[in-house]
Amino acid sequence: MPATIEGPDFIALQVRDVEAAAAFCETHLGLRRAPASPPGAVVFTTAPIPFAVREPLPGVDLDAAARPGLGVALWFRTPDAQALHDQLTAAGVAILSPPQDSPFGRTFTFVGPEGYALTAHGG
């Protein structure tokens, strides 16, 4: 039988300033740091898939891209997308697409750490 994968198991954003990106995630998204993280990274206690911000891997030039993560859709589940939208808006976080209803609940896209486009959905 050929080898297969089961699905995503870990997601990390590569960023220039790990502490600033981690602070954004904690302050604006309510994420909590995991008890341990590898050097150069901050891992959060997200479920079902662990999420982190980390230093770029060797050979990654974040300045060469028009926008970090271009072409990747990264969605985060929230119990109340509208409330999160309102909170981020009040904090001055840029919103790329306003809240709208979808098959996945209420969704909107905002600018996350270092320009990553992140979508929140739910509630």
N, C-alpha and C. Protein backbone atom coordinates (compact mmCIF):
# COMPACT_ATOMS: atom_id res chain seq x y z
N MET A 1 0.85 -1.17 0.00
CA MET A 1 0.00 0.00 0.00
C MET A 1 0.90 1.25 0.00
N PRO A 2 0.58 2.26 -0.82
CA PRO A 2 1.40 3.47 -0.85
C PRO A 2 1.26 4.28 0.44
N ALA A 3 2.30 4.99 0.78
CA ALA A 3 2.27 5.87 1.95
C ALA A 3 1.33 7.03 1.69
N THR A 4 0.64 7.49 2.73
CA THR A 4 -0.29 8.61 2.62
C THR A 4 -0.09 9.57 3.79
N ILE A 5 -0.72 10.72 3.70
CA ILE A 5 -0.75 11.63 4.83
C ILE A 5 -2.17 11.67 5.38
N GLU A 6 -2.30 12.07 6.62
CA GLU A 6 -3.61 12.11 7.27
C GLU A 6 -4.20 13.51 7.29
N GLY A 7 -3.39 14.53 7.06
CA GLY A 7 -3.87 15.90 7.07
C GLY A 7 -2.93 16.80 7.82
N PRO A 8 -3.23 18.10 7.86
CA PRO A 8 -2.35 19.03 8.55
C PRO A 8 -2.20 18.65 10.02
N ASP A 9 -0.98 18.81 10.53
CA ASP A 9 -0.69 18.42 11.91
C ASP A 9 -0.01 19.55 12.69
N PHE A 10 0.48 20.57 11.99
CA PHE A 10 1.13 21.69 12.64
C PHE A 10 1.18 22.83 11.65
N ILE A 11 0.88 24.05 12.10
CA ILE A 11 0.92 25.22 11.24
C ILE A 11 1.76 26.29 11.92
N ALA A 12 2.68 26.89 11.17
CA ALA A 12 3.50 27.98 11.70
C ALA A 12 3.62 29.08 10.65
N LEU A 13 3.55 30.31 11.11
CA LEU A 13 3.83 31.46 10.26
C LEU A 13 5.29 31.84 10.46
N GLN A 14 6.02 31.99 9.38
CA GLN A 14 7.40 32.44 9.46
C GLN A 14 7.38 33.97 9.47
N VAL A 15 8.01 34.54 10.49
CA VAL A 15 7.97 35.99 10.68
C VAL A 15 9.36 36.53 11.00
N ARG A 16 9.54 37.83 10.78
CA ARG A 16 10.81 38.49 11.08
C ARG A 16 10.96 38.72 12.59
N ASP A 17 9.86 39.10 13.25
CA ASP A 17 9.89 39.44 14.67
C ASP A 17 8.95 38.50 15.43
N VAL A 18 9.51 37.44 15.96
CA VAL A 18 8.72 36.39 16.62
C VAL A 18 7.97 36.96 17.82
N GLU A 19 8.63 37.76 18.64
CA GLU A 19 7.96 38.27 19.84
C GLU A 19 6.81 39.22 19.49
N ALA A 20 6.98 40.07 18.49
CA ALA A 20 5.90 40.97 18.08
C ALA A 20 4.73 40.17 17.51
N ALA A 21 5.02 39.15 16.72
CA ALA A 21 3.96 38.32 16.16
C ALA A 21 3.24 37.56 17.27
N ALA A 22 3.99 37.04 18.24
CA ALA A 22 3.39 36.33 19.36
C ALA A 22 2.51 37.27 20.18
N ALA A 23 2.98 38.49 20.38
CA ALA A 23 2.20 39.47 21.14
C ALA A 23 0.89 39.79 20.42
N PHE A 24 0.92 39.91 19.09
CA PHE A 24 -0.29 40.13 18.31
C PHE A 24 -1.28 38.99 18.56
N CYS A 25 -0.79 37.77 18.47
CA CYS A 25 -1.65 36.60 18.65
C CYS A 25 -2.25 36.53 20.05
N GLU A 26 -1.46 36.90 21.04
CA GLU A 26 -1.96 36.89 22.41
C GLU A 26 -2.93 38.04 22.66
N THR A 27 -2.55 39.24 22.27
CA THR A 27 -3.35 40.42 22.55
C THR A 27 -4.65 40.48 21.76
N HIS A 28 -4.56 40.24 20.46
CA HIS A 28 -5.72 40.43 19.59
C HIS A 28 -6.55 39.17 19.36
N LEU A 29 -5.92 37.99 19.47
CA LEU A 29 -6.63 36.75 19.17
C LEU A 29 -6.87 35.89 20.41
N GLY A 30 -6.27 36.28 21.53
CA GLY A 30 -6.49 35.54 22.77
C GLY A 30 -5.78 34.20 22.85
N LEU A 31 -4.78 33.98 21.99
CA LEU A 31 -4.05 32.71 22.05
C LEU A 31 -3.14 32.69 23.27
N ARG A 32 -2.93 31.48 23.79
CA ARG A 32 -2.05 31.30 24.95
C ARG A 32 -0.83 30.49 24.53
N ARG A 33 0.32 30.89 25.07
CA ARG A 33 1.55 30.17 24.76
C ARG A 33 1.52 28.77 25.38
N ALA A 34 2.07 27.82 24.65
CA ALA A 34 2.25 26.47 25.17
C ALA A 34 3.36 26.50 26.21
N PRO A 35 3.39 25.53 27.12
CA PRO A 35 4.43 25.51 28.16
C PRO A 35 5.85 25.46 27.60
N ALA A 36 6.03 24.90 26.42
CA ALA A 36 7.38 24.79 25.84
C ALA A 36 7.30 25.07 24.34
N SER A 37 8.34 25.72 23.85
CA SER A 37 8.47 26.00 22.42
C SER A 37 9.92 25.77 22.03
N PRO A 38 10.18 25.38 20.78
CA PRO A 38 11.57 25.22 20.35
C PRO A 38 12.24 26.58 20.20
N PRO A 39 13.55 26.61 20.15
CA PRO A 39 14.25 27.89 19.96
C PRO A 39 13.77 28.59 18.68
N GLY A 40 13.60 29.91 18.76
CA GLY A 40 13.21 30.68 17.59
C GLY A 40 11.74 30.61 17.25
N ALA A 41 10.92 30.09 18.16
CA ALA A 41 9.49 29.95 17.87
C ALA A 41 8.68 30.15 19.15
N VAL A 42 7.43 30.50 18.95
CA VAL A 42 6.44 30.51 20.03
C VAL A 42 5.28 29.64 19.56
N VAL A 43 5.02 28.58 20.32
CA VAL A 43 3.91 27.66 20.01
C VAL A 43 2.76 28.02 20.94
N PHE A 44 1.53 27.96 20.39
CA PHE A 44 0.34 28.28 21.15
C PHE A 44 -0.46 27.01 21.43
N THR A 45 -1.30 27.06 22.44
CA THR A 45 -2.12 25.90 22.83
C THR A 45 -3.43 25.93 22.04
N THR A 46 -3.33 25.70 20.75
CA THR A 46 -4.52 25.64 19.88
C THR A 46 -4.88 24.19 19.63
N ALA A 47 -6.16 23.98 19.34
CA ALA A 47 -6.63 22.61 19.07
C ALA A 47 -7.63 22.67 17.91
N PRO A 48 -7.70 21.70 17.09
CA PRO A 48 -6.99 20.42 17.18
C PRO A 48 -5.58 20.46 16.60
N ILE A 49 -5.19 21.54 15.94
CA ILE A 49 -3.88 21.62 15.31
C ILE A 49 -3.03 22.67 16.01
N PRO A 50 -1.82 22.31 16.43
CA PRO A 50 -0.93 23.30 17.04
C PRO A 50 -0.58 24.40 16.03
N PHE A 51 -0.43 25.62 16.54
CA PHE A 51 -0.11 26.78 15.73
C PHE A 51 1.05 27.52 16.38
N ALA A 52 1.95 28.08 15.55
CA ALA A 52 3.11 28.79 16.07
C ALA A 52 3.50 29.95 15.15
N VAL A 53 4.29 30.84 15.69
CA VAL A 53 5.03 31.81 14.89
C VAL A 53 6.49 31.47 15.11
N ARG A 54 7.28 31.60 14.04
CA ARG A 54 8.67 31.17 14.13
C ARG A 54 9.55 31.99 13.22
N GLU A 55 10.85 31.94 13.51
CA GLU A 55 11.83 32.57 12.63
C GLU A 55 11.78 31.87 11.28
N PRO A 56 12.13 32.59 10.22
CA PRO A 56 12.14 31.95 8.89
C PRO A 56 13.13 30.80 8.83
N LEU A 57 12.75 29.79 8.08
CA LEU A 57 13.65 28.66 7.85
C LEU A 57 14.77 29.12 6.91
N PRO A 58 15.91 28.44 6.93
CA PRO A 58 17.01 28.81 6.03
C PRO A 58 16.52 28.86 4.58
N GLY A 59 16.92 29.90 3.88
CA GLY A 59 16.54 30.04 2.48
C GLY A 59 15.24 30.78 2.25
N VAL A 60 14.48 31.08 3.31
CA VAL A 60 13.22 31.80 3.16
C VAL A 60 13.51 33.30 3.23
N ASP A 61 13.13 34.02 2.19
CA ASP A 61 13.31 35.47 2.13
C ASP A 61 11.94 36.12 2.19
N LEU A 62 11.53 36.54 3.38
CA LEU A 62 10.20 37.13 3.54
C LEU A 62 10.07 38.45 2.79
N ASP A 63 11.18 39.11 2.51
CA ASP A 63 11.13 40.38 1.79
C ASP A 63 10.90 40.18 0.29
N ALA A 64 11.10 38.98 -0.22
CA ALA A 64 10.95 38.73 -1.65
C ALA A 64 9.49 38.56 -2.06
N ALA A 65 8.62 38.25 -1.12
CA ALA A 65 7.20 38.00 -1.44
C ALA A 65 6.41 39.31 -1.43
N ALA A 66 5.40 39.38 -2.29
CA ALA A 66 4.51 40.54 -2.30
C ALA A 66 3.76 40.64 -0.98
N ARG A 67 3.38 39.50 -0.44
CA ARG A 67 2.68 39.42 0.84
C ARG A 67 2.98 38.04 1.43
N PRO A 68 3.30 37.97 2.71
CA PRO A 68 3.57 36.65 3.30
C PRO A 68 2.37 35.72 3.15
N GLY A 69 2.64 34.49 2.79
CA GLY A 69 1.58 33.49 2.69
C GLY A 69 0.69 33.61 1.47
N LEU A 70 1.06 34.44 0.50
CA LEU A 70 0.23 34.62 -0.69
C LEU A 70 -0.10 33.27 -1.30
N GLY A 71 -1.37 33.03 -1.50
CA GLY A 71 -1.82 31.77 -2.09
C GLY A 71 -2.28 30.74 -1.08
N VAL A 72 -2.03 30.98 0.20
CA VAL A 72 -2.47 30.05 1.25
C VAL A 72 -3.65 30.67 1.99
N ALA A 73 -4.70 29.90 2.16
CA ALA A 73 -5.86 30.35 2.94
C ALA A 73 -5.76 29.73 4.32
N LEU A 74 -5.59 30.57 5.33
CA LEU A 74 -5.45 30.10 6.70
C LEU A 74 -6.64 30.59 7.50
N TRP A 75 -7.45 29.66 7.96
CA TRP A 75 -8.69 29.97 8.68
C TRP A 75 -8.55 29.56 10.14
N PHE A 76 -9.10 30.42 11.01
CA PHE A 76 -9.14 30.15 12.44
C PHE A 76 -10.59 30.09 12.89
N ARG A 77 -10.92 29.09 13.69
CA ARG A 77 -12.27 28.94 14.24
C ARG A 77 -12.41 29.84 15.47
N THR A 78 -13.58 30.47 15.60
CA THR A 78 -13.88 31.31 16.76
C THR A 78 -15.34 31.10 17.14
N PRO A 79 -15.69 31.19 18.40
CA PRO A 79 -17.09 31.04 18.78
C PRO A 79 -17.97 32.18 18.29
N ASP A 80 -17.37 33.36 18.03
CA ASP A 80 -18.17 34.52 17.63
C ASP A 80 -17.35 35.41 16.70
N ALA A 81 -17.47 35.15 15.39
CA ALA A 81 -16.68 35.90 14.40
C ALA A 81 -17.02 37.38 14.41
N GLN A 82 -18.29 37.72 14.60
CA GLN A 82 -18.67 39.13 14.59
C GLN A 82 -18.03 39.87 15.77
N ALA A 83 -18.06 39.26 16.95
CA ALA A 83 -17.45 39.89 18.12
C ALA A 83 -15.94 40.04 17.93
N LEU A 84 -15.29 39.03 17.34
CA LEU A 84 -13.85 39.14 17.09
C LEU A 84 -13.59 40.25 16.08
N HIS A 85 -14.39 40.32 15.04
CA HIS A 85 -14.25 41.40 14.06
C HIS A 85 -14.34 42.76 14.74
N ASP A 86 -15.35 42.94 15.56
CA ASP A 86 -15.55 44.22 16.23
C ASP A 86 -14.38 44.55 17.15
N GLN A 87 -13.86 43.56 17.84
CA GLN A 87 -12.70 43.74 18.73
C GLN A 87 -11.46 44.15 17.93
N LEU A 88 -11.21 43.45 16.82
CA LEU A 88 -10.04 43.77 16.00
C LEU A 88 -10.17 45.16 15.37
N THR A 89 -11.36 45.48 14.91
CA THR A 89 -11.60 46.80 14.32
C THR A 89 -11.34 47.90 15.35
N ALA A 90 -11.84 47.72 16.56
CA ALA A 90 -11.64 48.70 17.63
C ALA A 90 -10.17 48.86 17.97
N ALA A 91 -9.39 47.79 17.79
CA ALA A 91 -7.96 47.84 18.09
C ALA A 91 -7.14 48.37 16.92
N GLY A 92 -7.81 48.68 15.80
CA GLY A 92 -7.11 49.23 14.65
C GLY A 92 -6.49 48.21 13.72
N VAL A 93 -6.86 46.94 13.87
CA VAL A 93 -6.36 45.90 12.98
C VAL A 93 -7.07 46.03 11.64
N ALA A 94 -6.31 45.99 10.54
CA ALA A 94 -6.89 46.14 9.20
C ALA A 94 -7.76 44.94 8.84
N ILE A 95 -8.93 45.22 8.31
CA ILE A 95 -9.86 44.19 7.86
C ILE A 95 -9.80 44.15 6.34
N LEU A 96 -9.55 42.97 5.79
CA LEU A 96 -9.45 42.82 4.33
C LEU A 96 -10.79 42.53 3.68
N SER A 97 -11.65 41.77 4.37
CA SER A 97 -13.00 41.53 3.87
C SER A 97 -13.95 41.54 5.06
N PRO A 98 -15.06 42.26 4.93
CA PRO A 98 -15.97 42.42 6.05
C PRO A 98 -16.70 41.11 6.38
N PRO A 99 -17.30 41.05 7.56
CA PRO A 99 -18.05 39.85 7.94
C PRO A 99 -19.17 39.55 6.95
N GLN A 100 -19.30 38.27 6.67
CA GLN A 100 -20.38 37.80 5.80
C GLN A 100 -20.75 36.39 6.21
N ASP A 101 -21.96 36.00 5.90
CA ASP A 101 -22.40 34.64 6.21
C ASP A 101 -21.88 33.69 5.15
N SER A 102 -21.51 32.49 5.57
CA SER A 102 -20.98 31.47 4.66
C SER A 102 -21.44 30.10 5.17
N PRO A 103 -21.16 29.05 4.42
CA PRO A 103 -21.48 27.71 4.91
C PRO A 103 -20.71 27.34 6.18
N PHE A 104 -19.68 28.13 6.51
CA PHE A 104 -18.85 27.86 7.69
C PHE A 104 -19.16 28.82 8.83
N GLY A 105 -20.31 29.48 8.76
CA GLY A 105 -20.67 30.48 9.75
C GLY A 105 -20.26 31.85 9.27
N ARG A 106 -20.24 32.79 10.16
CA ARG A 106 -19.83 34.16 9.83
C ARG A 106 -18.33 34.16 9.57
N THR A 107 -17.88 34.81 8.52
CA THR A 107 -16.45 34.86 8.20
C THR A 107 -16.01 36.29 7.90
N PHE A 108 -14.75 36.55 8.14
CA PHE A 108 -14.11 37.79 7.70
C PHE A 108 -12.60 37.55 7.65
N THR A 109 -11.91 38.39 6.91
CA THR A 109 -10.46 38.25 6.77
C THR A 109 -9.80 39.53 7.26
N PHE A 110 -8.72 39.36 8.01
CA PHE A 110 -8.00 40.49 8.59
C PHE A 110 -6.50 40.32 8.36
N VAL A 111 -5.76 41.41 8.59
CA VAL A 111 -4.31 41.38 8.45
C VAL A 111 -3.71 40.97 9.78
N GLY A 112 -3.00 39.85 9.77
CA GLY A 112 -2.36 39.34 10.98
C GLY A 112 -0.91 39.78 11.05
N PRO A 113 -0.13 39.09 11.86
CA PRO A 113 1.27 39.45 12.02
C PRO A 113 2.00 39.55 10.68
N GLU A 114 2.72 40.64 10.51
CA GLU A 114 3.59 40.88 9.36
C GLU A 114 2.89 40.79 8.02
N GLY A 115 1.59 41.03 7.99
CA GLY A 115 0.86 41.11 6.72
C GLY A 115 0.18 39.84 6.26
N TYR A 116 0.23 38.77 7.04
CA TYR A 116 -0.47 37.55 6.66
C TYR A 116 -1.98 37.82 6.65
N ALA A 117 -2.66 37.36 5.62
CA ALA A 117 -4.13 37.44 5.57
C ALA A 117 -4.69 36.23 6.31
N LEU A 118 -5.47 36.47 7.37
CA LEU A 118 -6.04 35.41 8.18
C LEU A 118 -7.56 35.54 8.17
N THR A 119 -8.24 34.43 8.08
CA THR A 119 -9.70 34.42 8.07
C THR A 119 -10.19 33.80 9.36
N ALA A 120 -11.19 34.43 9.96
CA ALA A 120 -11.85 33.88 11.15
C ALA A 120 -13.25 33.46 10.74
N HIS A 121 -13.74 32.37 11.31
CA HIS A 121 -15.09 31.89 10.99
C HIS A 121 -15.73 31.27 12.22
N GLY A 122 -17.05 31.36 12.25
CA GLY A 122 -17.81 30.71 13.31
C GLY A 122 -18.78 31.65 13.98
N GLY A 123 -19.73 31.04 14.66
CA GLY A 123 -20.68 31.79 15.47
C GLY A 123 -21.65 32.64 14.73
